[in-house]
Amino acid sequence: MTEFSRTKRSEVHRLPTRGTFDRETIHSILDEGLVCHIGFIFEGSPFVIPTGYGRSGDQLLIHGSAASRMLRALSAGAEACITVSLLDGLVLARSAFHHSVNYRSVVILGKGTVIDEPEAKMEALSVITDRLIPGRWDGIRLPSPQEMKGATVMSFAIAEASGKVRVGPPIDDEEDYLLPIWAGVLPLALAPGVPIADEKNLPGVELPHYVRNYKR
């Protein structure tokens, strides 16, 4: 299937022409993002928590302390609303009303599944780590049994999901195009800076190639 199924919850109501259910588009947005925000209800109160994630096929993977409020709630079967947003530019219109941003976003709805099987849990952690920076997993100390015990790893099916994308220039009222006001788009991008070595690095430890050559 090239598209995710549309549901009453995942349908895009506001500016539906910007909505997308295309699997490749949704995967590409998730693969470019680094942080997702997870909304859930815990003891009657709503919470939205930012966290890192990974993607394996049509599964979104997260991990955290088994004692965390979020992981306890999700492990107990709480419904989640997971969002990933990429900001691509500031859209400057001639009128205050039509200012906007160019963006790409994904919303995923559903319940998660705890990954308990040791090999699957370790594999999920490797996916999450390499999502942060590809190649990192093979160059670090792997989790100890005690660390594995204290971590909860969960998988969420990317099934009830939708994307939303805005691109292009501002859209002004027709009469406003005659105003002598600059309008356009100021592109924005997340770019890596110069790596800063930990002062406690051992002498002679070199900067890994995947850090030196990292690109967004």
C-alpha atoms as a PDB file:
ATOM      1  CA  MET A   1       0.000   0.000   0.000  1.00  0.00           C
ATOM      2  CA  THR A   2       1.315   3.432  -0.931  1.00  0.00           C
ATOM      3  CA  GLU A   3      -0.997   5.283   1.483  1.00  0.00           C
ATOM      4  CA  PHE A   4      -2.039   4.817   5.089  1.00  0.00           C
ATOM      5  CA  SER A   5      -5.748   4.236   5.632  1.00  0.00           C
ATOM      6  CA  ARG A   6      -7.768   7.328   6.488  1.00  0.00           C
ATOM      7  CA  THR A   7      -9.789   7.253   9.687  1.00  0.00           C
ATOM      8  CA  LYS A   8     -12.158   9.690  11.351  1.00  0.00           C
ATOM      9  CA  ARG A   9      -9.392  10.609  13.809  1.00  0.00           C
ATOM     10  CA  SER A  10      -6.574  10.936  11.291  1.00  0.00           C
ATOM     11  CA  GLU A  11      -8.478  12.901   8.649  1.00  0.00           C
ATOM     12  CA  VAL A  12      -7.101  16.431   8.137  1.00  0.00           C
ATOM     13  CA  HIS A  13      -9.927  18.944   8.610  1.00  0.00           C
ATOM     14  CA  ARG A  14      -8.187  22.323   8.594  1.00  0.00           C
ATOM     15  CA  LEU A  15      -6.794  23.071   5.101  1.00  0.00           C
ATOM     16  CA  PRO A  16      -7.195  19.456   3.968  1.00  0.00           C
ATOM     17  CA  THR A  17      -5.348  20.115   0.697  1.00  0.00           C
ATOM     18  CA  ARG A  18      -2.148  20.214   2.759  1.00  0.00           C
ATOM     19  CA  GLY A  19      -2.855  16.803   4.251  1.00  0.00           C
ATOM     20  CA  THR A  20      -1.166  13.644   3.051  1.00  0.00           C
ATOM     21  CA  PHE A  21      -1.464   9.947   3.802  1.00  0.00           C
ATOM     22  CA  ASP A  22       1.338   8.990   1.442  1.00  0.00           C
ATOM     23  CA  ARG A  23       3.544   6.394   3.142  1.00  0.00           C
ATOM     24  CA  GLU A  24       6.787   7.596   1.534  1.00  0.00           C
ATOM     25  CA  THR A  25       6.132  11.224   2.493  1.00  0.00           C
ATOM     26  CA  ILE A  26       5.293  10.337   6.096  1.00  0.00           C
ATOM     27  CA  HIS A  27       8.352   8.089   6.375  1.00  0.00           C
ATOM     28  CA  SER A  28      10.611  10.831   4.999  1.00  0.00           C
ATOM     29  CA  ILE A  29       9.360  13.359   7.560  1.00  0.00           C
ATOM     30  CA  LEU A  30       9.874  10.907  10.414  1.00  0.00           C
ATOM     31  CA  ASP A  31      13.352  10.046   9.135  1.00  0.00           C
ATOM     32  CA  GLU A  32      14.422  13.688   9.041  1.00  0.00           C
ATOM     33  CA  GLY A  33      13.103  14.548  12.493  1.00  0.00           C
ATOM     34  CA  LEU A  34      15.041  13.982  15.686  1.00  0.00           C
ATOM     35  CA  VAL A  35      12.420  14.616  18.398  1.00  0.00           C
ATOM     36  CA  CYS A  36       8.779  13.629  18.689  1.00  0.00           C
ATOM     37  CA  HIS A  37       6.210  14.926  21.164  1.00  0.00           C
ATOM     38  CA  ILE A  38       3.968  12.341  22.803  1.00  0.00           C
ATOM     39  CA  GLY A  39       0.606  13.362  24.202  1.00  0.00           C
ATOM     40  CA  PHE A  40      -1.180  11.095  26.687  1.00  0.00           C
ATOM     41  CA  ILE A  41      -3.438  11.135  29.735  1.00  0.00           C
ATOM     42  CA  PHE A  42      -2.018  10.140  33.117  1.00  0.00           C
ATOM     43  CA  GLU A  43      -4.176  10.050  36.235  1.00  0.00           C
ATOM     44  CA  GLY A  44      -6.722  12.304  34.572  1.00  0.00           C
ATOM     45  CA  SER A  45      -4.291  14.996  33.434  1.00  0.00           C
ATOM     46  CA  PRO A  46      -2.952  15.602  29.912  1.00  0.00           C
ATOM     47  CA  PHE A  47       0.795  15.608  29.284  1.00  0.00           C
ATOM     48  CA  VAL A  48       2.936  16.180  26.205  1.00  0.00           C
ATOM     49  CA  ILE A  49       6.524  14.954  26.510  1.00  0.00           C
ATOM     50  CA  PRO A  50       9.344  15.416  23.971  1.00  0.00           C
ATOM     51  CA  THR A  51      11.600  12.427  23.359  1.00  0.00           C
ATOM     52  CA  GLY A  52      13.907  10.874  20.798  1.00  0.00           C
ATOM     53  CA  TYR A  53      12.696   8.067  18.581  1.00  0.00           C
ATOM     54  CA  GLY A  54      13.573   5.693  15.781  1.00  0.00           C
ATOM     55  CA  ARG A  55      11.699   4.166  12.875  1.00  0.00           C
ATOM     56  CA  SER A  56      11.797   0.570  11.672  1.00  0.00           C
ATOM     57  CA  GLY A  57       9.463   0.048   8.731  1.00  0.00           C
ATOM     58  CA  ASP A  58       5.968   1.010   9.840  1.00  0.00           C
ATOM     59  CA  GLN A  59       6.937   1.016  13.522  1.00  0.00           C
ATOM     60  CA  LEU A  60       7.960   4.054  15.565  1.00  0.00           C
ATOM     61  CA  LEU A  61      10.233   3.144  18.485  1.00  0.00           C
ATOM     62  CA  ILE A  62      10.788   5.000  21.760  1.00  0.00           C
ATOM     63  CA  HIS A  63      12.578   4.224  25.000  1.00  0.00           C
ATOM     64  CA  GLY A  64      13.041   5.665  28.452  1.00  0.00           C
ATOM     65  CA  SER A  65      13.222   4.932  32.148  1.00  0.00           C
ATOM     66  CA  ALA A  66      10.775   2.277  33.270  1.00  0.00           C
ATOM     67  CA  ALA A  67       9.941   4.605  36.172  1.00  0.00           C
ATOM     68  CA  SER A  68       8.928   7.542  33.962  1.00  0.00           C
ATOM     69  CA  ARG A  69       5.342   8.747  34.063  1.00  0.00           C
ATOM     70  CA  MET A  70       5.076   8.581  30.286  1.00  0.00           C
ATOM     71  CA  LEU A  71       6.379   5.026  29.908  1.00  0.00           C
ATOM     72  CA  ARG A  72       4.251   3.790  32.816  1.00  0.00           C
ATOM     73  CA  ALA A  73       1.119   5.280  31.266  1.00  0.00           C
ATOM     74  CA  LEU A  74       1.854   4.038  27.756  1.00  0.00           C
ATOM     75  CA  SER A  75       2.850   0.579  29.008  1.00  0.00           C
ATOM     76  CA  ALA A  76      -0.506   0.357  30.792  1.00  0.00           C
ATOM     77  CA  GLY A  77      -2.322   0.945  27.504  1.00  0.00           C
ATOM     78  CA  ALA A  78      -2.867   4.721  27.394  1.00  0.00           C
ATOM     79  CA  GLU A  79      -3.729   6.110  23.977  1.00  0.00           C
ATOM     80  CA  ALA A  80      -0.976   8.273  22.492  1.00  0.00           C
ATOM     81  CA  CYS A  81      -0.863  11.127  20.027  1.00  0.00           C
ATOM     82  CA  ILE A  82       2.666  11.341  18.615  1.00  0.00           C
ATOM     83  CA  THR A  83       3.743  14.346  16.550  1.00  0.00           C
ATOM     84  CA  VAL A  84       6.884  15.220  14.607  1.00  0.00           C
ATOM     85  CA  SER A  85       7.297  18.713  13.119  1.00  0.00           C
ATOM     86  CA  LEU A  86       9.930  20.147  10.776  1.00  0.00           C
ATOM     87  CA  LEU A  87      10.124  23.926  10.333  1.00  0.00           C
ATOM     88  CA  ASP A  88      11.300  24.872   6.834  1.00  0.00           C
ATOM     89  CA  GLY A  89      10.759  28.626   6.648  1.00  0.00           C
ATOM     90  CA  LEU A  90       9.045  31.783   7.859  1.00  0.00           C
ATOM     91  CA  VAL A  91       6.349  32.959   5.458  1.00  0.00           C
ATOM     92  CA  LEU A  92       6.145  36.757   5.552  1.00  0.00           C
ATOM     93  CA  ALA A  93       2.959  38.107   4.022  1.00  0.00           C
ATOM     94  CA  ARG A  94       1.869  41.684   3.291  1.00  0.00           C
ATOM     95  CA  SER A  95      -0.814  41.456   5.972  1.00  0.00           C
ATOM     96  CA  ALA A  96      -0.437  40.327   9.557  1.00  0.00           C
ATOM     97  CA  PHE A  97      -3.272  37.841   9.107  1.00  0.00           C
ATOM     98  CA  HIS A  98      -1.567  35.809   6.371  1.00  0.00           C
ATOM     99  CA  HIS A  99       1.836  35.335   7.993  1.00  0.00           C
ATOM    100  CA  SER A 100       2.615  31.627   8.296  1.00  0.00           C
ATOM    101  CA  VAL A 101       5.403  29.055   8.258  1.00  0.00           C
ATOM    102  CA  ASN A 102       6.446  26.398   5.776  1.00  0.00           C
ATOM    103  CA  TYR A 103       6.505  23.077   7.574  1.00  0.00           C
ATOM    104  CA  ARG A 104       6.187  19.301   7.346  1.00  0.00           C
ATOM    105  CA  SER A 105       4.487  17.385  10.148  1.00  0.00           C
ATOM    106  CA  VAL A 106       3.193  13.932  11.040  1.00  0.00           C
ATOM    107  CA  VAL A 107       0.587  12.845  13.584  1.00  0.00           C
ATOM    108  CA  ILE A 108       0.380   9.205  14.711  1.00  0.00           C
ATOM    109  CA  LEU A 109      -2.461   7.894  16.874  1.00  0.00           C
ATOM    110  CA  GLY A 110      -2.737   4.641  18.774  1.00  0.00           C
ATOM    111  CA  LYS A 111      -1.506   2.437  21.580  1.00  0.00           C
ATOM    112  CA  GLY A 112       2.018   1.118  21.940  1.00  0.00           C
ATOM    113  CA  THR A 113       3.433  -2.332  22.582  1.00  0.00           C
ATOM    114  CA  VAL A 114       6.212  -2.999  25.091  1.00  0.00           C
ATOM    115  CA  ILE A 115       9.191  -4.821  23.580  1.00  0.00           C
ATOM    116  CA  ASP A 116      10.377  -7.373  26.139  1.00  0.00           C
ATOM    117  CA  GLU A 117      12.234  -9.968  24.064  1.00  0.00           C
ATOM    118  CA  PRO A 118      15.959  -9.239  24.698  1.00  0.00           C
ATOM    119  CA  GLU A 119      17.187  -9.382  21.103  1.00  0.00           C
ATOM    120  CA  ALA A 120      14.276  -7.314  19.782  1.00  0.00           C
ATOM    121  CA  LYS A 121      14.747  -4.795  22.595  1.00  0.00           C
ATOM    122  CA  MET A 122      18.465  -4.446  21.824  1.00  0.00           C
ATOM    123  CA  GLU A 123      17.724  -4.074  18.113  1.00  0.00           C
ATOM    124  CA  ALA A 124      15.187  -1.336  18.843  1.00  0.00           C
ATOM    125  CA  LEU A 125      17.741   0.545  20.951  1.00  0.00           C
ATOM    126  CA  SER A 126      20.242   0.337  18.113  1.00  0.00           C
ATOM    127  CA  VAL A 127      17.676   1.823  15.718  1.00  0.00           C
ATOM    128  CA  ILE A 128      16.933   4.688  18.119  1.00  0.00           C
ATOM    129  CA  THR A 129      20.650   5.383  18.686  1.00  0.00           C
ATOM    130  CA  ASP A 130      21.517   5.359  14.996  1.00  0.00           C
ATOM    131  CA  ARG A 131      18.536   7.659  14.321  1.00  0.00           C
ATOM    132  CA  LEU A 132      20.332  10.225  16.475  1.00  0.00           C
ATOM    133  CA  ILE A 133      23.510   9.827  14.441  1.00  0.00           C
ATOM    134  CA  PRO A 134      24.032   6.971  11.961  1.00  0.00           C
ATOM    135  CA  GLY A 135      26.942   4.670  12.800  1.00  0.00           C
ATOM    136  CA  ARG A 136      27.051   5.477  16.513  1.00  0.00           C
ATOM    137  CA  TRP A 137      25.775   2.104  17.766  1.00  0.00           C
ATOM    138  CA  ASP A 138      28.771   0.159  16.416  1.00  0.00           C
ATOM    139  CA  GLY A 139      31.277   2.428  18.186  1.00  0.00           C
ATOM    140  CA  ILE A 140      29.940   2.555  21.746  1.00  0.00           C
ATOM    141  CA  ARG A 141      29.542   0.336  24.824  1.00  0.00           C
ATOM    142  CA  LEU A 142      26.314  -1.606  24.557  1.00  0.00           C
ATOM    143  CA  PRO A 143      23.722  -1.497  27.366  1.00  0.00           C
ATOM    144  CA  SER A 144      24.459  -3.658  30.395  1.00  0.00           C
ATOM    145  CA  PRO A 145      21.865  -6.140  31.736  1.00  0.00           C
ATOM    146  CA  GLN A 146      21.080  -3.701  34.549  1.00  0.00           C
ATOM    147  CA  GLU A 147      20.585  -0.832  32.098  1.00  0.00           C
ATOM    148  CA  MET A 148      18.355  -3.007  29.935  1.00  0.00           C
ATOM    149  CA  LYS A 149      16.278  -3.924  32.972  1.00  0.00           C
ATOM    150  CA  GLY A 150      15.757  -0.281  33.890  1.00  0.00           C
ATOM    151  CA  ALA A 151      14.663   0.773  30.405  1.00  0.00           C
ATOM    152  CA  THR A 152      11.286   0.406  28.752  1.00  0.00           C
ATOM    153  CA  VAL A 153      11.236   0.151  24.973  1.00  0.00           C
ATOM    154  CA  MET A 154       7.977   0.511  23.078  1.00  0.00           C
ATOM    155  CA  SER A 155       6.786   0.199  19.507  1.00  0.00           C
ATOM    156  CA  PHE A 156       3.915   2.152  17.954  1.00  0.00           C
ATOM    157  CA  ALA A 157       2.394   1.063  14.668  1.00  0.00           C
ATOM    158  CA  ILE A 158       2.520   3.821  12.060  1.00  0.00           C
ATOM    159  CA  ALA A 159      -0.957   2.976  10.802  1.00  0.00           C
ATOM    160  CA  GLU A 160      -3.447   5.612  11.943  1.00  0.00           C
ATOM    161  CA  ALA A 161      -1.270   8.451  10.708  1.00  0.00           C
ATOM    162  CA  SER A 162      -1.423  11.577   8.601  1.00  0.00           C
ATOM    163  CA  GLY A 163       0.998  14.202   7.392  1.00  0.00           C
ATOM    164  CA  LYS A 164       0.564  17.879   6.662  1.00  0.00           C
ATOM    165  CA  VAL A 165       2.822  20.045   4.514  1.00  0.00           C
ATOM    166  CA  ARG A 166       2.943  23.747   3.629  1.00  0.00           C
ATOM    167  CA  VAL A 167       5.313  24.985   0.931  1.00  0.00           C
ATOM    168  CA  GLY A 168       5.615  28.092  -1.181  1.00  0.00           C
ATOM    169  CA  PRO A 169       5.147  31.855  -0.884  1.00  0.00           C
ATOM    170  CA  PRO A 170       2.631  33.828   1.165  1.00  0.00           C
ATOM    171  CA  ILE A 171      -0.977  33.864   0.011  1.00  0.00           C
ATOM    172  CA  ASP A 172      -2.293  37.403   0.408  1.00  0.00           C
ATOM    173  CA  ASP A 173      -5.661  38.976  -0.283  1.00  0.00           C
ATOM    174  CA  GLU A 174      -5.732  40.137  -3.895  1.00  0.00           C
ATOM    175  CA  GLU A 175      -5.842  43.843  -3.030  1.00  0.00           C
ATOM    176  CA  ASP A 176      -2.807  43.515  -0.742  1.00  0.00           C
ATOM    177  CA  TYR A 177      -0.525  42.618  -3.662  1.00  0.00           C
ATOM    178  CA  LEU A 178      -0.575  46.341  -4.536  1.00  0.00           C
ATOM    179  CA  LEU A 179       0.930  47.313  -1.167  1.00  0.00           C
ATOM    180  CA  PRO A 180       4.627  48.407  -1.170  1.00  0.00           C
ATOM    181  CA  ILE A 181       5.541  45.783   1.441  1.00  0.00           C
ATOM    182  CA  TRP A 182       8.248  43.136   1.048  1.00  0.00           C
ATOM    183  CA  ALA A 183       6.835  39.629   1.222  1.00  0.00           C
ATOM    184  CA  GLY A 184       8.408  36.226   0.780  1.00  0.00           C
ATOM    185  CA  VAL A 185       9.921  33.257   2.580  1.00  0.00           C
ATOM    186  CA  LEU A 186      12.894  33.177   4.945  1.00  0.00           C
ATOM    187  CA  PRO A 187      14.160  29.573   4.730  1.00  0.00           C
ATOM    188  CA  LEU A 188      15.230  27.863   7.944  1.00  0.00           C
ATOM    189  CA  ALA A 189      17.299  24.716   8.401  1.00  0.00           C
ATOM    190  CA  LEU A 190      18.883  22.740  11.236  1.00  0.00           C
ATOM    191  CA  ALA A 191      22.624  22.596  10.540  1.00  0.00           C
ATOM    192  CA  PRO A 192      25.462  20.911  12.484  1.00  0.00           C
ATOM    193  CA  GLY A 193      28.151  23.069  14.055  1.00  0.00           C
ATOM    194  CA  VAL A 194      31.752  22.291  14.932  1.00  0.00           C
ATOM    195  CA  PRO A 195      31.955  19.214  17.234  1.00  0.00           C
ATOM    196  CA  ILE A 196      32.940  20.005  20.830  1.00  0.00           C
ATOM    197  CA  ALA A 197      35.012  17.234  22.411  1.00  0.00           C
ATOM    198  CA  ASP A 198      34.340  16.119  25.982  1.00  0.00           C
ATOM    199  CA  GLU A 199      37.212  17.301  28.193  1.00  0.00           C
ATOM    200  CA  LYS A 200      37.313  13.818  29.723  1.00  0.00           C
ATOM    201  CA  ASN A 201      38.077  12.080  26.419  1.00  0.00           C
ATOM    202  CA  LEU A 202      41.141   9.871  26.670  1.00  0.00           C
ATOM    203  CA  PRO A 203      44.282  11.117  24.893  1.00  0.00           C
ATOM    204  CA  GLY A 204      44.456  10.012  21.294  1.00  0.00           C
ATOM    205  CA  VAL A 205      40.733   9.300  20.882  1.00  0.00           C
ATOM    206  CA  GLU A 206      39.873  10.576  17.428  1.00  0.00           C
ATOM    207  CA  LEU A 207      36.712  12.256  16.235  1.00  0.00           C
ATOM    208  CA  PRO A 208      34.562   9.532  14.569  1.00  0.00           C
ATOM    209  CA  HIS A 209      34.051   9.895  10.839  1.00  0.00           C
ATOM    210  CA  TYR A 210      30.259   9.845  11.261  1.00  0.00           C
ATOM    211  CA  VAL A 211      30.524  12.940  13.501  1.00  0.00           C
ATOM    212  CA  ARG A 212      33.108  14.718  11.352  1.00  0.00           C
ATOM    213  CA  ASN A 213      31.061  14.119   8.169  1.00  0.00           C
ATOM    214  CA  TYR A 214      27.586  14.448   9.682  1.00  0.00           C
ATOM    215  CA  LYS A 215      25.006  16.059   7.407  1.00  0.00           C
ATOM    216  CA  ARG A 216      21.316  16.833   7.780  1.00  0.00           C
END
